[in-house]
């Protein structure tokens, strides 16, 4: 993947999450929706696992991962992709 002309190394699952969310800017996804999209309907495990992937992606694409511009948290719901104005 590329961000502002720079190559960003992502794992296949990180890429799948990022591409899915970037393809639906502003749409809020629950953890369950993201897990189902990436791992399939049969996924059994902790919902919090998606937070680890989101954090790792943020560390790779965000200027300040603690104040994300692209992968934003929607508290109590999930995550969305979008640039802050």
PDB file of N, CA and C in Angstrom:
ATOM      1  N   UNK A   1       0.842  -1.181   0.000  1.00  0.00           N
ATOM      2  CA  UNK A   1       0.000   0.000   0.000  1.00  0.00           C
ATOM      3  C   UNK A   1       0.884   1.240   0.000  1.00  0.00           C
ATOM      4  N   UNK A   2       0.322   2.346  -0.463  1.00  0.00           N
ATOM      5  CA  UNK A   2       1.060   3.614  -0.477  1.00  0.00           C
ATOM      6  C   UNK A   2       0.241   4.689   0.223  1.00  0.00           C
ATOM      7  N   UNK A   3       0.951   5.548   0.947  1.00  0.00           N
ATOM      8  CA  UNK A   3       0.332   6.675   1.626  1.00  0.00           C
ATOM      9  C   UNK A   3       1.203   7.887   1.372  1.00  0.00           C
ATOM     10  N   UNK A   4       0.635   8.879   0.712  1.00  0.00           N
ATOM     11  CA  UNK A   4       1.370  10.106   0.370  1.00  0.00           C
ATOM     12  C   UNK A   4       2.668   9.783  -0.354  1.00  0.00           C
ATOM     13  N   UNK A   5       2.600   8.813  -1.265  1.00  0.00           N
ATOM     14  CA  UNK A   5       3.755   8.446  -2.075  1.00  0.00           C
ATOM     15  C   UNK A   5       4.750   7.519  -1.411  1.00  0.00           C
ATOM     16  N   UNK A   6       4.554   7.220  -0.125  1.00  0.00           N
ATOM     17  CA  UNK A   6       5.473   6.331   0.588  1.00  0.00           C
ATOM     18  C   UNK A   6       4.870   4.940   0.697  1.00  0.00           C
ATOM     19  N   UNK A   7       5.717   3.949   0.529  1.00  0.00           N
ATOM     20  CA  UNK A   7       5.280   2.556   0.645  1.00  0.00           C
ATOM     21  C   UNK A   7       5.064   2.213   2.117  1.00  0.00           C
ATOM     22  N   UNK A   8       3.935   1.578   2.403  1.00  0.00           N
ATOM     23  CA  UNK A   8       3.589   1.148   3.756  1.00  0.00           C
ATOM     24  C   UNK A   8       3.452  -0.367   3.730  1.00  0.00           C
ATOM     25  N   UNK A   9       4.208  -1.049   4.567  1.00  0.00           N
ATOM     26  CA  UNK A   9       4.147  -2.512   4.642  1.00  0.00           C
ATOM     27  C   UNK A   9       3.006  -2.929   5.567  1.00  0.00           C
ATOM     28  N   UNK A  10       2.040  -3.636   5.011  1.00  0.00           N
ATOM     29  CA  UNK A  10       0.904  -4.141   5.779  1.00  0.00           C
ATOM     30  C   UNK A  10       0.819  -5.651   5.619  1.00  0.00           C
ATOM     31  N   UNK A  11       0.351  -6.318   6.665  1.00  0.00           N
ATOM     32  CA  UNK A  11       0.078  -7.744   6.547  1.00  0.00           C
ATOM     33  C   UNK A  11      -1.182  -7.896   5.688  1.00  0.00           C
ATOM     34  N   UNK A  12      -1.443  -9.094   5.163  1.00  0.00           N
ATOM     35  CA  UNK A  12      -2.667  -9.274   4.364  1.00  0.00           C
ATOM     36  C   UNK A  12      -3.947  -8.887   5.118  1.00  0.00           C
ATOM     37  N   UNK A  13      -4.045  -9.240   6.392  1.00  0.00           N
ATOM     38  CA  UNK A  13      -5.246  -8.897   7.159  1.00  0.00           C
ATOM     39  C   UNK A  13      -5.320  -7.393   7.421  1.00  0.00           C
ATOM     40  N   UNK A  14      -4.193  -6.757   7.728  1.00  0.00           N
ATOM     41  CA  UNK A  14      -4.177  -5.305   7.911  1.00  0.00           C
ATOM     42  C   UNK A  14      -4.638  -4.613   6.629  1.00  0.00           C
ATOM     43  N   UNK A  15      -4.127  -5.083   5.491  1.00  0.00           N
ATOM     44  CA  UNK A  15      -4.507  -4.491   4.210  1.00  0.00           C
ATOM     45  C   UNK A  15      -6.002  -4.664   3.957  1.00  0.00           C
ATOM     46  N   UNK A  16      -6.520  -5.844   4.249  1.00  0.00           N
ATOM     47  CA  UNK A  16      -7.940  -6.117   4.016  1.00  0.00           C
ATOM     48  C   UNK A  16      -8.816  -5.185   4.861  1.00  0.00           C
ATOM     49  N   UNK A  17      -8.448  -4.992   6.128  1.00  0.00           N
ATOM     50  CA  UNK A  17      -9.198  -4.087   7.008  1.00  0.00           C
ATOM     51  C   UNK A  17      -9.138  -2.662   6.468  1.00  0.00           C
ATOM     52  N   UNK A  18      -7.924  -2.195   6.163  1.00  0.00           N
ATOM     53  CA  UNK A  18      -7.746  -0.821   5.700  1.00  0.00           C
ATOM     54  C   UNK A  18      -8.462  -0.578   4.372  1.00  0.00           C
ATOM     55  N   UNK A  19      -8.324  -1.489   3.426  1.00  0.00           N
ATOM     56  CA  UNK A  19      -8.966  -1.324   2.117  1.00  0.00           C
ATOM     57  C   UNK A  19     -10.490  -1.315   2.250  1.00  0.00           C
ATOM     58  N   UNK A  20     -11.019  -2.179   3.099  1.00  0.00           N
ATOM     59  CA  UNK A  20     -12.467  -2.250   3.309  1.00  0.00           C
ATOM     60  C   UNK A  20     -12.989  -0.941   3.891  1.00  0.00           C
ATOM     61  N   UNK A  21     -12.321  -0.459   4.938  1.00  0.00           N
ATOM     62  CA  UNK A  21     -12.773   0.765   5.590  1.00  0.00           C
ATOM     63  C   UNK A  21     -12.584   1.981   4.680  1.00  0.00           C
ATOM     64  N   UNK A  22     -11.464   2.046   3.968  1.00  0.00           N
ATOM     65  CA  UNK A  22     -11.201   3.178   3.072  1.00  0.00           C
ATOM     66  C   UNK A  22     -12.197   3.209   1.917  1.00  0.00           C
ATOM     67  N   UNK A  23     -12.710   2.051   1.557  1.00  0.00           N
ATOM     68  CA  UNK A  23     -13.709   1.973   0.497  1.00  0.00           C
ATOM     69  C   UNK A  23     -15.084   2.444   0.928  1.00  0.00           C
ATOM     70  N   UNK A  24     -15.245   2.678   2.226  1.00  0.00           N
ATOM     71  CA  UNK A  24     -16.525   3.133   2.783  1.00  0.00           C
ATOM     72  C   UNK A  24     -16.269   4.289   3.756  1.00  0.00           C
ATOM     73  N   UNK A  25     -15.702   5.405   3.280  1.00  0.00           N
ATOM     74  CA  UNK A  25     -15.353   6.501   4.187  1.00  0.00           C
ATOM     75  C   UNK A  25     -16.567   7.043   4.936  1.00  0.00           C
ATOM     76  N   UNK A  26     -16.368   7.273   6.229  1.00  0.00           N
ATOM     77  CA  UNK A  26     -17.431   7.820   7.059  1.00  0.00           C
ATOM     78  C   UNK A  26     -18.388   6.784   7.614  1.00  0.00           C
ATOM     79  N   UNK A  27     -18.392   5.585   7.050  1.00  0.00           N
ATOM     80  CA  UNK A  27     -19.281   4.523   7.538  1.00  0.00           C
ATOM     81  C   UNK A  27     -18.684   3.911   8.800  1.00  0.00           C
ATOM     82  N   UNK A  28     -19.510   3.720   9.813  1.00  0.00           N
ATOM     83  CA  UNK A  28     -19.049   3.152  11.076  1.00  0.00           C
ATOM     84  C   UNK A  28     -19.208   1.636  11.028  1.00  0.00           C
ATOM     85  N   UNK A  29     -18.125   0.939  11.390  1.00  0.00           N
ATOM     86  CA  UNK A  29     -18.129  -0.520  11.433  1.00  0.00           C
ATOM     87  C   UNK A  29     -17.962  -0.988  12.862  1.00  0.00           C
ATOM     88  N   UNK A  30     -18.782  -1.960  13.263  1.00  0.00           N
ATOM     89  CA  UNK A  30     -18.600  -2.559  14.583  1.00  0.00           C
ATOM     90  C   UNK A  30     -17.428  -3.532  14.526  1.00  0.00           C
ATOM     91  N   UNK A  31     -16.929  -3.902  15.682  1.00  0.00           N
ATOM     92  CA  UNK A  31     -15.865  -4.910  15.731  1.00  0.00           C
ATOM     93  C   UNK A  31     -16.340  -6.201  15.082  1.00  0.00           C
ATOM     94  N   UNK A  32     -17.597  -6.561  15.356  1.00  0.00           N
ATOM     95  CA  UNK A  32     -18.157  -7.789  14.795  1.00  0.00           C
ATOM     96  C   UNK A  32     -18.157  -7.756  13.265  1.00  0.00           C
ATOM     97  N   UNK A  33     -18.534  -6.630  12.686  1.00  0.00           N
ATOM     98  CA  UNK A  33     -18.561  -6.514  11.224  1.00  0.00           C
ATOM     99  C   UNK A  33     -17.164  -6.682  10.635  1.00  0.00           C
ATOM    100  N   UNK A  34     -16.173  -6.046  11.249  1.00  0.00           N
ATOM    101  CA  UNK A  34     -14.805  -6.144  10.738  1.00  0.00           C
ATOM    102  C   UNK A  34     -14.263  -7.560  10.882  1.00  0.00           C
ATOM    103  N   UNK A  35     -14.523  -8.188  12.031  1.00  0.00           N
ATOM    104  CA  UNK A  35     -14.063  -9.565  12.238  1.00  0.00           C
ATOM    105  C   UNK A  35     -14.697 -10.509  11.220  1.00  0.00           C
ATOM    106  N   UNK A  36     -15.993 -10.357  10.994  1.00  0.00           N
ATOM    107  CA  UNK A  36     -16.691 -11.211  10.036  1.00  0.00           C
ATOM    108  C   UNK A  36     -16.149 -10.997   8.627  1.00  0.00           C
ATOM    109  N   UNK A  37     -15.894  -9.742   8.251  1.00  0.00           N
ATOM    110  CA  UNK A  37     -15.380  -9.453   6.912  1.00  0.00           C
ATOM    111  C   UNK A  37     -14.001 -10.068   6.697  1.00  0.00           C
ATOM    112  N   UNK A  38     -13.132  -9.942   7.685  1.00  0.00           N
ATOM    113  CA  UNK A  38     -11.748 -10.400   7.520  1.00  0.00           C
ATOM    114  C   UNK A  38     -11.603 -11.900   7.750  1.00  0.00           C
ATOM    115  N   UNK A  39     -12.224 -12.424   8.805  1.00  0.00           N
ATOM    116  CA  UNK A  39     -12.027 -13.832   9.161  1.00  0.00           C
ATOM    117  C   UNK A  39     -13.179 -14.735   8.750  1.00  0.00           C
ATOM    118  N   UNK A  40     -14.313 -14.169   8.390  1.00  0.00           N
ATOM    119  CA  UNK A  40     -15.442 -14.982   7.959  1.00  0.00           C
ATOM    120  C   UNK A  40     -16.451 -15.225   9.066  1.00  0.00           C
ATOM    121  N   UNK A  41     -17.579 -15.767   8.663  1.00  0.00           N
ATOM    122  CA  UNK A  41     -18.701 -16.008   9.576  1.00  0.00           C
ATOM    123  C   UNK A  41     -18.361 -16.949  10.722  1.00  0.00           C
ATOM    124  N   UNK A  42     -17.402 -17.836  10.502  1.00  0.00           N
ATOM    125  CA  UNK A  42     -17.103 -18.860  11.497  1.00  0.00           C
ATOM    126  C   UNK A  42     -16.100 -18.418  12.554  1.00  0.00           C
ATOM    127  N   UNK A  43     -15.714 -17.131  12.559  1.00  0.00           N
ATOM    128  CA  UNK A  43     -14.718 -16.658  13.526  1.00  0.00           C
ATOM    129  C   UNK A  43     -15.242 -16.827  14.942  1.00  0.00           C
ATOM    130  N   UNK A  44     -14.409 -17.425  15.788  1.00  0.00           N
ATOM    131  CA  UNK A  44     -14.722 -17.560  17.207  1.00  0.00           C
ATOM    132  C   UNK A  44     -13.522 -17.005  17.958  1.00  0.00           C
ATOM    133  N   UNK A  45     -13.755 -16.014  18.765  1.00  0.00           N
ATOM    134  CA  UNK A  45     -12.651 -15.421  19.512  1.00  0.00           C
ATOM    135  C   UNK A  45     -13.060 -14.096  20.121  1.00  0.00           C
ATOM    136  N   UNK A  46     -12.065 -13.421  20.656  1.00  0.00           N
ATOM    137  CA  UNK A  46     -12.297 -12.150  21.325  1.00  0.00           C
ATOM    138  C   UNK A  46     -12.562 -11.029  20.320  1.00  0.00           C
ATOM    139  N   UNK A  47     -13.568 -10.232  20.598  1.00  0.00           N
ATOM    140  CA  UNK A  47     -13.851  -9.075  19.756  1.00  0.00           C
ATOM    141  C   UNK A  47     -12.756  -8.028  19.871  1.00  0.00           C
ATOM    142  N   UNK A  48     -12.069  -8.018  21.010  1.00  0.00           N
ATOM    143  CA  UNK A  48     -11.020  -7.023  21.226  1.00  0.00           C
ATOM    144  C   UNK A  48      -9.816  -7.255  20.329  1.00  0.00           C
ATOM    145  N   UNK A  49      -9.718  -8.418  19.706  1.00  0.00           N
ATOM    146  CA  UNK A  49      -8.605  -8.703  18.811  1.00  0.00           C
ATOM    147  C   UNK A  49      -8.510  -7.717  17.662  1.00  0.00           C
ATOM    148  N   UNK A  50      -9.641  -7.193  17.210  1.00  0.00           N
ATOM    149  CA  UNK A  50      -9.618  -6.235  16.100  1.00  0.00           C
ATOM    150  C   UNK A  50      -8.914  -4.954  16.520  1.00  0.00           C
ATOM    151  N   UNK A  51      -8.986  -4.598  17.801  1.00  0.00           N
ATOM    152  CA  UNK A  51      -8.325  -3.383  18.292  1.00  0.00           C
ATOM    153  C   UNK A  51      -6.814  -3.462  18.101  1.00  0.00           C
ATOM    154  N   UNK A  52      -6.255  -4.655  18.221  1.00  0.00           N
ATOM    155  CA  UNK A  52      -4.815  -4.837  18.015  1.00  0.00           C
ATOM    156  C   UNK A  52      -4.464  -4.533  16.558  1.00  0.00           C
ATOM    157  N   UNK A  53      -5.264  -5.029  15.632  1.00  0.00           N
ATOM    158  CA  UNK A  53      -5.021  -4.763  14.213  1.00  0.00           C
ATOM    159  C   UNK A  53      -5.171  -3.277  13.898  1.00  0.00           C
ATOM    160  N   UNK A  54      -6.193  -2.644  14.451  1.00  0.00           N
ATOM    161  CA  UNK A  54      -6.401  -1.210  14.227  1.00  0.00           C
ATOM    162  C   UNK A  54      -5.200  -0.427  14.752  1.00  0.00           C
ATOM    163  N   UNK A  55      -4.716  -0.781  15.941  1.00  0.00           N
ATOM    164  CA  UNK A  55      -3.557  -0.091  16.520  1.00  0.00           C
ATOM    165  C   UNK A  55      -2.331  -0.245  15.630  1.00  0.00           C
ATOM    166  N   UNK A  56      -2.095  -1.467  15.147  1.00  0.00           N
ATOM    167  CA  UNK A  56      -0.923  -1.712  14.296  1.00  0.00           C
ATOM    168  C   UNK A  56      -1.018  -0.945  12.977  1.00  0.00           C
ATOM    169  N   UNK A  57      -2.208  -0.882  12.402  1.00  0.00           N
ATOM    170  CA  UNK A  57      -2.391  -0.115  11.166  1.00  0.00           C
ATOM    171  C   UNK A  57      -2.151   1.365  11.444  1.00  0.00           C
ATOM    172  N   UNK A  58      -2.706   1.859  12.544  1.00  0.00           N
ATOM    173  CA  UNK A  58      -2.506   3.270  12.902  1.00  0.00           C
ATOM    174  C   UNK A  58      -1.024   3.601  13.046  1.00  0.00           C
ATOM    175  N   UNK A  59      -0.277   2.699  13.671  1.00  0.00           N
ATOM    176  CA  UNK A  59       1.157   2.937  13.858  1.00  0.00           C
ATOM    177  C   UNK A  59       1.881   3.050  12.519  1.00  0.00           C
ATOM    178  N   UNK A  60       1.338   2.428  11.497  1.00  0.00           N
ATOM    179  CA  UNK A  60       1.973   2.440  10.181  1.00  0.00           C
ATOM    180  C   UNK A  60       1.513   3.600   9.295  1.00  0.00           C
ATOM    181  N   UNK A  61       0.285   4.091   9.486  1.00  0.00           N
ATOM    182  CA  UNK A  61      -0.239   5.097   8.550  1.00  0.00           C
ATOM    183  C   UNK A  61      -0.506   6.469   9.157  1.00  0.00           C
ATOM    184  N   UNK A  62      -0.622   6.544  10.454  1.00  0.00           N
ATOM    185  CA  UNK A  62      -0.971   7.816  11.089  1.00  0.00           C
ATOM    186  C   UNK A  62       0.277   8.600  11.479  1.00  0.00           C
ATOM    187  N   UNK A  63       0.234   9.926  11.308  1.00  0.00           N
ATOM    188  CA  UNK A  63       1.330  10.765  11.789  1.00  0.00           C
ATOM    189  C   UNK A  63       1.403  10.697  13.304  1.00  0.00           C
ATOM    190  N   UNK A  64       0.244  10.735  13.965  1.00  0.00           N
ATOM    191  CA  UNK A  64       0.154  10.625  15.419  1.00  0.00           C
ATOM    192  C   UNK A  64      -0.905   9.565  15.725  1.00  0.00           C
ATOM    193  N   UNK A  65      -0.476   8.305  15.943  1.00  0.00           N
ATOM    194  CA  UNK A  65      -1.449   7.228  16.170  1.00  0.00           C
ATOM    195  C   UNK A  65      -2.401   7.468  17.342  1.00  0.00           C
ATOM    196  N   UNK A  66      -2.004   8.300  18.312  1.00  0.00           N
ATOM    197  CA  UNK A  66      -2.888   8.567  19.449  1.00  0.00           C
ATOM    198  C   UNK A  66      -3.990   9.570  19.088  1.00  0.00           C
ATOM    199  N   UNK A  67      -3.823  10.259  17.954  1.00  0.00           N
ATOM    200  CA  UNK A  67      -4.847  11.179  17.453  1.00  0.00           C
ATOM    201  C   UNK A  67      -5.090  10.843  15.978  1.00  0.00           C
ATOM    202  N   UNK A  68      -5.738   9.708  15.723  1.00  0.00           N
ATOM    203  CA  UNK A  68      -5.869   9.218  14.346  1.00  0.00           C
ATOM    204  C   UNK A  68      -6.689  10.125  13.441  1.00  0.00           C
ATOM    205  N   UNK A  69      -6.192  10.253  12.241  1.00  0.00           N
ATOM    206  CA  UNK A  69      -6.845  11.044  11.205  1.00  0.00           C
ATOM    207  C   UNK A  69      -7.637  10.127  10.267  1.00  0.00           C
ATOM    208  N   UNK A  70      -7.131   8.920  10.058  1.00  0.00           N
ATOM    209  CA  UNK A  70      -7.746   7.989   9.112  1.00  0.00           C
ATOM    210  C   UNK A  70      -8.624   6.937   9.794  1.00  0.00           C
ATOM    211  N   UNK A  71      -8.056   6.155  10.694  1.00  0.00           N
ATOM    212  CA  UNK A  71      -8.829   5.113  11.382  1.00  0.00           C
ATOM    213  C   UNK A  71      -9.282   5.662  12.728  1.00  0.00           C
ATOM    214  N   UNK A  72     -10.504   6.146  12.747  1.00  0.00           N
ATOM    215  CA  UNK A  72     -11.033   6.818  13.925  1.00  0.00           C
ATOM    216  C   UNK A  72     -11.920   5.888  14.738  1.00  0.00           C
ATOM    217  N   UNK A  73     -11.829   6.040  16.051  1.00  0.00           N
ATOM    218  CA  UNK A  73     -12.675   5.281  16.961  1.00  0.00           C
ATOM    219  C   UNK A  73     -14.001   6.009  17.128  1.00  0.00           C
ATOM    220  N   UNK A  74     -15.083   5.261  17.048  1.00  0.00           N
ATOM    221  CA  UNK A  74     -16.407   5.777  17.368  1.00  0.00           C
ATOM    222  C   UNK A  74     -16.775   5.080  18.673  1.00  0.00           C
ATOM    223  N   UNK A  75     -16.566   5.791  19.776  1.00  0.00           N
ATOM    224  CA  UNK A  75     -16.698   5.186  21.102  1.00  0.00           C
ATOM    225  C   UNK A  75     -18.049   4.512  21.297  1.00  0.00           C
ATOM    226  N   UNK A  76     -17.991   3.292  21.817  1.00  0.00           N
ATOM    227  CA  UNK A  76     -19.189   2.516  22.088  1.00  0.00           C
ATOM    228  C   UNK A  76     -19.777   1.822  20.868  1.00  0.00           C
ATOM    229  N   UNK A  77     -19.187   2.074  19.676  1.00  0.00           N
ATOM    230  CA  UNK A  77     -19.727   1.476  18.453  1.00  0.00           C
ATOM    231  C   UNK A  77     -18.667   0.680  17.710  1.00  0.00           C
ATOM    232  N   UNK A  78     -17.585   1.349  17.301  1.00  0.00           N
ATOM    233  CA  UNK A  78     -16.554   0.669  16.515  1.00  0.00           C
ATOM    234  C   UNK A  78     -15.566   1.653  15.924  1.00  0.00           C
ATOM    235  N   UNK A  79     -15.376   1.562  14.601  1.00  0.00           N
ATOM    236  CA  UNK A  79     -14.367   2.370  13.919  1.00  0.00           C
ATOM    237  C   UNK A  79     -14.906   2.880  12.596  1.00  0.00           C
ATOM    238  N   UNK A  80     -14.309   3.986  12.132  1.00  0.00           N
ATOM    239  CA  UNK A  80     -14.647   4.507  10.808  1.00  0.00           C
ATOM    240  C   UNK A  80     -13.388   5.056  10.157  1.00  0.00           C
ATOM    241  N   UNK A  81     -13.424   5.152   8.834  1.00  0.00           N
ATOM    242  CA  UNK A  81     -12.328   5.734   8.072  1.00  0.00           C
ATOM    243  C   UNK A  81     -12.752   7.123   7.633  1.00  0.00           C
ATOM    244  N   UNK A  82     -11.910   8.084   7.872  1.00  0.00           N
ATOM    245  CA  UNK A  82     -12.219   9.430   7.415  1.00  0.00           C
ATOM    246  C   UNK A  82     -11.164  10.418   7.841  1.00  0.00           C
ATOM    247  N   UNK A  83     -10.968  11.429   7.028  1.00  0.00           N
ATOM    248  CA  UNK A  83     -10.029  12.482   7.374  1.00  0.00           C
ATOM    249  C   UNK A  83     -10.734  13.556   8.166  1.00  0.00           C
ATOM    250  N   UNK A  84     -10.050  14.050   9.177  1.00  0.00           N
ATOM    251  CA  UNK A  84     -10.577  15.181   9.936  1.00  0.00           C
ATOM    252  C   UNK A  84     -10.395  16.430   9.101  1.00  0.00           C
ATOM    253  N   UNK A  85     -11.322  17.336   9.238  1.00  0.00           N
ATOM    254  CA  UNK A  85     -11.232  18.611   8.493  1.00  0.00           C
ATOM    255  C   UNK A  85     -10.099  19.445   9.041  1.00  0.00           C
TER     256      UNK A  85
END
